[in-house]
Amino acid sequence: MTKGKTVHIRQLNVHDAAESLRLQTENRDFFEKFSMTRAVDFYKIEGQINMIQNHHEHVQKDQGYAFGIFKNDDDALIGTISLFQVIRGSLQSAFIGYFLDKKHNGKGYATEAVQLICEYAFGELKLHRIEAGVMPHNIASMRVLEKAGFHKEGIAQKNVKIHGKWEDHQVLALINPDD
């Protein structure tokens, strides 16, 4: 667990599957505006258990690290954040992605969670670079990343397929300050 002032992040376990399903179901329309196509069973408890187990396998293989975002005051699951497509060797990099419960937006929780996972990425995983891709109209997400220290690098045209359409993404990155 990595703890900040208002939130903490930790790996989800199978005991979190019901809460994860609640978070995903309550925010389905909001999250799907920005996400890739979900598997058929994603919105079932079995799908959440499988997702959590897959995340644990990715950790074992050093391919990805997924966490829940929890409020410190009541330990409520309010979002998810992950490092994925971890590349070692001469790159030492990963991509970051996150989703925050719509009713908790604008309170600084996402920015704090991004800062926590970046500290983990640079301190524990010894990564050099973290990259994010944000749809250009998602101004709130870009603000989160910029407040966490990310800088804009350019537009990746038709970069990710969302709802059957190739979407442009603003590329942002953060470099390990100790490198």
Protein backbone atom coordinates (compact mmCIF):
# COMPACT_ATOMS: atom_id res chain seq x y z
CA MET A 1 0.00 0.00 0.00
CA THR A 2 1.17 3.50 -0.84
CA LYS A 3 -0.52 6.21 1.21
CA GLY A 4 -1.00 9.91 0.51
CA LYS A 5 -2.82 12.69 2.38
CA THR A 6 -6.36 11.83 1.20
CA VAL A 7 -6.07 8.56 -0.75
CA HIS A 8 -4.02 5.40 -0.86
CA ILE A 9 -3.42 2.87 -3.61
CA ARG A 10 -3.06 -0.86 -3.25
CA GLN A 11 -3.41 -3.94 -5.42
CA LEU A 12 -6.94 -5.24 -5.60
CA ASN A 13 -7.57 -8.78 -4.40
CA VAL A 14 -10.48 -11.13 -5.03
CA HIS A 15 -12.19 -9.82 -1.88
CA ASP A 16 -12.44 -6.45 -3.67
CA ALA A 17 -14.28 -7.91 -6.70
CA ALA A 18 -17.77 -6.91 -5.55
CA GLU A 19 -16.69 -3.34 -4.81
CA SER A 20 -14.84 -3.20 -8.12
CA LEU A 21 -17.98 -4.38 -9.91
CA ARG A 22 -20.02 -1.70 -8.12
CA LEU A 23 -17.53 1.01 -9.14
CA GLN A 24 -17.46 -0.14 -12.76
CA THR A 25 -21.23 -0.60 -13.02
CA GLU A 26 -22.13 2.75 -11.43
CA ASN A 27 -19.67 4.56 -13.70
CA ARG A 28 -20.11 2.48 -16.85
CA ASP A 29 -21.36 5.27 -19.14
CA PHE A 30 -18.76 7.71 -17.80
CA PHE A 31 -15.77 5.32 -18.01
CA GLU A 32 -16.67 3.90 -21.41
CA LYS A 33 -16.39 7.35 -23.02
CA PHE A 34 -12.63 7.03 -22.54
CA SER A 35 -11.98 3.28 -22.52
CA MET A 36 -11.34 0.52 -24.99
CA THR A 37 -14.05 -2.07 -25.55
CA ARG A 38 -14.77 -4.12 -22.44
CA ALA A 39 -14.98 -7.91 -22.49
CA VAL A 40 -18.47 -9.42 -22.39
CA ASP A 41 -18.12 -10.60 -18.76
CA PHE A 42 -16.45 -7.41 -17.47
CA TYR A 43 -19.67 -6.31 -15.77
CA LYS A 44 -20.11 -9.59 -13.91
CA ILE A 45 -18.46 -10.68 -10.66
CA GLU A 46 -16.59 -13.46 -12.48
CA GLY A 47 -15.18 -10.90 -14.90
CA GLN A 48 -13.92 -8.75 -12.06
CA ILE A 49 -12.31 -11.75 -10.34
CA ASN A 50 -10.62 -12.74 -13.61
CA MET A 51 -9.40 -9.18 -14.14
CA ILE A 52 -7.91 -9.05 -10.62
CA GLN A 53 -6.23 -12.43 -11.11
CA ASN A 54 -4.83 -11.27 -14.46
CA HIS A 55 -3.42 -8.17 -12.79
CA HIS A 56 -1.62 -10.36 -10.26
CA GLU A 57 -0.13 -12.45 -13.09
CA HIS A 58 1.09 -9.26 -14.79
CA VAL A 59 2.84 -8.22 -11.57
CA GLN A 60 4.57 -11.61 -11.37
CA LYS A 61 5.81 -11.15 -14.94
CA ASP A 62 6.75 -7.45 -14.41
CA GLN A 63 4.36 -6.51 -17.23
CA GLY A 64 1.92 -4.30 -15.36
CA TYR A 65 0.83 -3.02 -11.96
CA ALA A 66 -2.82 -2.27 -11.21
CA PHE A 67 -4.16 -0.67 -8.04
CA GLY A 68 -7.40 0.45 -6.53
CA ILE A 69 -7.69 4.07 -5.37
CA PHE A 70 -9.14 4.20 -1.86
CA LYS A 71 -10.13 7.17 0.31
CA ASN A 72 -8.13 7.28 3.53
CA ASP A 73 -11.04 8.35 5.74
CA ASP A 74 -13.41 5.45 4.97
CA ASP A 75 -11.35 3.04 2.81
CA ALA A 76 -13.94 3.34 0.01
CA LEU A 77 -12.85 2.18 -3.47
CA ILE A 78 -13.23 5.26 -5.68
CA GLY A 79 -11.13 4.40 -8.71
CA THR A 80 -8.41 2.39 -10.35
CA ILE A 81 -4.95 3.28 -11.57
CA SER A 82 -2.37 1.21 -13.39
CA LEU A 83 0.99 1.03 -15.03
CA PHE A 84 0.77 -1.18 -18.10
CA GLN A 85 2.91 -2.30 -20.99
CA VAL A 86 6.00 -2.15 -18.80
CA ILE A 87 9.10 -2.27 -20.99
CA ARG A 88 12.49 -3.03 -19.49
CA GLY A 89 15.89 -3.02 -21.18
CA SER A 90 17.03 0.31 -22.59
CA LEU A 91 13.58 1.94 -22.30
CA GLN A 92 12.54 1.29 -18.67
CA SER A 93 9.07 2.71 -19.30
CA ALA A 94 5.35 2.13 -18.85
CA PHE A 95 2.01 3.68 -19.69
CA ILE A 96 -0.33 5.01 -17.02
CA GLY A 97 -4.11 4.79 -16.99
CA TYR A 98 -6.73 5.64 -14.41
CA PHE A 99 -10.46 5.94 -13.80
CA LEU A 100 -12.05 7.85 -10.93
CA ASP A 101 -15.66 7.57 -9.78
CA LYS A 102 -17.48 10.48 -11.44
CA LYS A 103 -18.88 11.76 -8.12
CA HIS A 104 -15.32 12.14 -6.77
CA ASN A 105 -13.94 14.18 -9.67
CA GLY A 106 -12.54 17.63 -8.97
CA LYS A 107 -11.36 16.86 -5.42
CA GLY A 108 -7.68 16.18 -6.15
CA TYR A 109 -7.94 12.42 -5.62
CA ALA A 110 -6.84 11.49 -9.15
CA THR A 111 -3.86 13.84 -9.03
CA GLU A 112 -2.76 12.40 -5.70
CA ALA A 113 -3.17 8.82 -6.98
CA VAL A 114 -1.09 9.65 -10.08
CA GLN A 115 1.62 11.10 -7.85
CA LEU A 116 1.57 7.99 -5.65
CA ILE A 117 1.87 5.54 -8.54
CA CYS A 118 4.66 7.62 -10.11
CA GLU A 119 6.59 7.55 -6.83
CA TYR A 120 6.13 3.78 -6.82
CA ALA A 121 7.16 3.49 -10.49
CA PHE A 122 10.33 5.50 -10.03
CA GLY A 123 11.25 4.40 -6.49
CA GLU A 124 10.29 0.71 -6.41
CA LEU A 125 10.22 -0.28 -10.07
CA LYS A 126 13.12 1.97 -11.10
CA LEU A 127 11.35 3.08 -14.28
CA HIS A 128 12.76 5.98 -16.29
CA ARG A 129 9.63 7.21 -18.11
CA ILE A 130 5.87 7.07 -17.68
CA GLU A 131 3.69 7.94 -20.65
CA ALA A 132 -0.01 8.79 -20.84
CA GLY A 133 -2.38 9.18 -23.75
CA VAL A 134 -5.45 11.37 -23.29
CA MET A 135 -8.21 12.17 -25.74
CA PRO A 136 -7.70 15.88 -26.55
CA HIS A 137 -11.20 16.84 -25.37
CA ASN A 138 -10.59 15.26 -21.94
CA ILE A 139 -9.28 18.48 -20.41
CA ALA A 140 -9.83 17.32 -16.81
CA SER A 141 -7.56 14.30 -17.28
CA MET A 142 -4.86 16.44 -18.88
CA ARG A 143 -5.04 18.81 -15.90
CA VAL A 144 -4.60 15.85 -13.52
CA LEU A 145 -1.46 14.75 -15.32
CA GLU A 146 -0.01 18.26 -15.65
CA LYS A 147 -0.58 18.91 -11.92
CA ALA A 148 1.33 15.66 -11.26
CA GLY A 149 4.28 16.96 -13.31
CA PHE A 150 3.64 15.43 -16.75
CA HIS A 151 4.53 17.48 -19.84
CA LYS A 152 2.84 17.44 -23.24
CA GLU A 153 4.79 15.87 -26.09
CA GLY A 154 2.42 15.89 -29.06
CA ILE A 155 -0.61 14.26 -30.63
CA ALA A 156 -0.66 10.58 -31.53
CA GLN A 157 -3.12 10.49 -34.42
CA LYS A 158 -5.73 7.74 -34.53
CA ASN A 159 -3.93 6.05 -31.66
CA VAL A 160 -6.57 4.03 -29.77
CA LYS A 161 -9.79 2.42 -30.96
CA ILE A 162 -12.67 3.47 -28.71
CA HIS A 163 -16.23 2.43 -29.57
CA GLY A 164 -15.15 1.35 -33.03
CA LYS A 165 -13.47 4.66 -33.88
CA TRP A 166 -9.75 5.43 -33.95
CA GLU A 167 -9.19 8.36 -31.56
CA ASP A 168 -6.34 10.85 -31.38
CA HIS A 169 -4.50 11.10 -28.06
CA GLN A 170 -2.48 13.87 -26.50
CA VAL A 171 0.77 12.25 -25.38
CA LEU A 172 2.09 13.35 -21.99
CA ALA A 173 5.11 11.99 -20.15
CA LEU A 174 6.96 12.17 -16.86
CA ILE A 175 10.66 11.36 -16.57
CA ASN A 176 12.18 9.97 -13.38
CA PRO A 177 13.69 13.05 -11.70
CA ASP A 178 16.60 10.97 -10.40
CA ASP A 179 17.72 9.90 -13.91
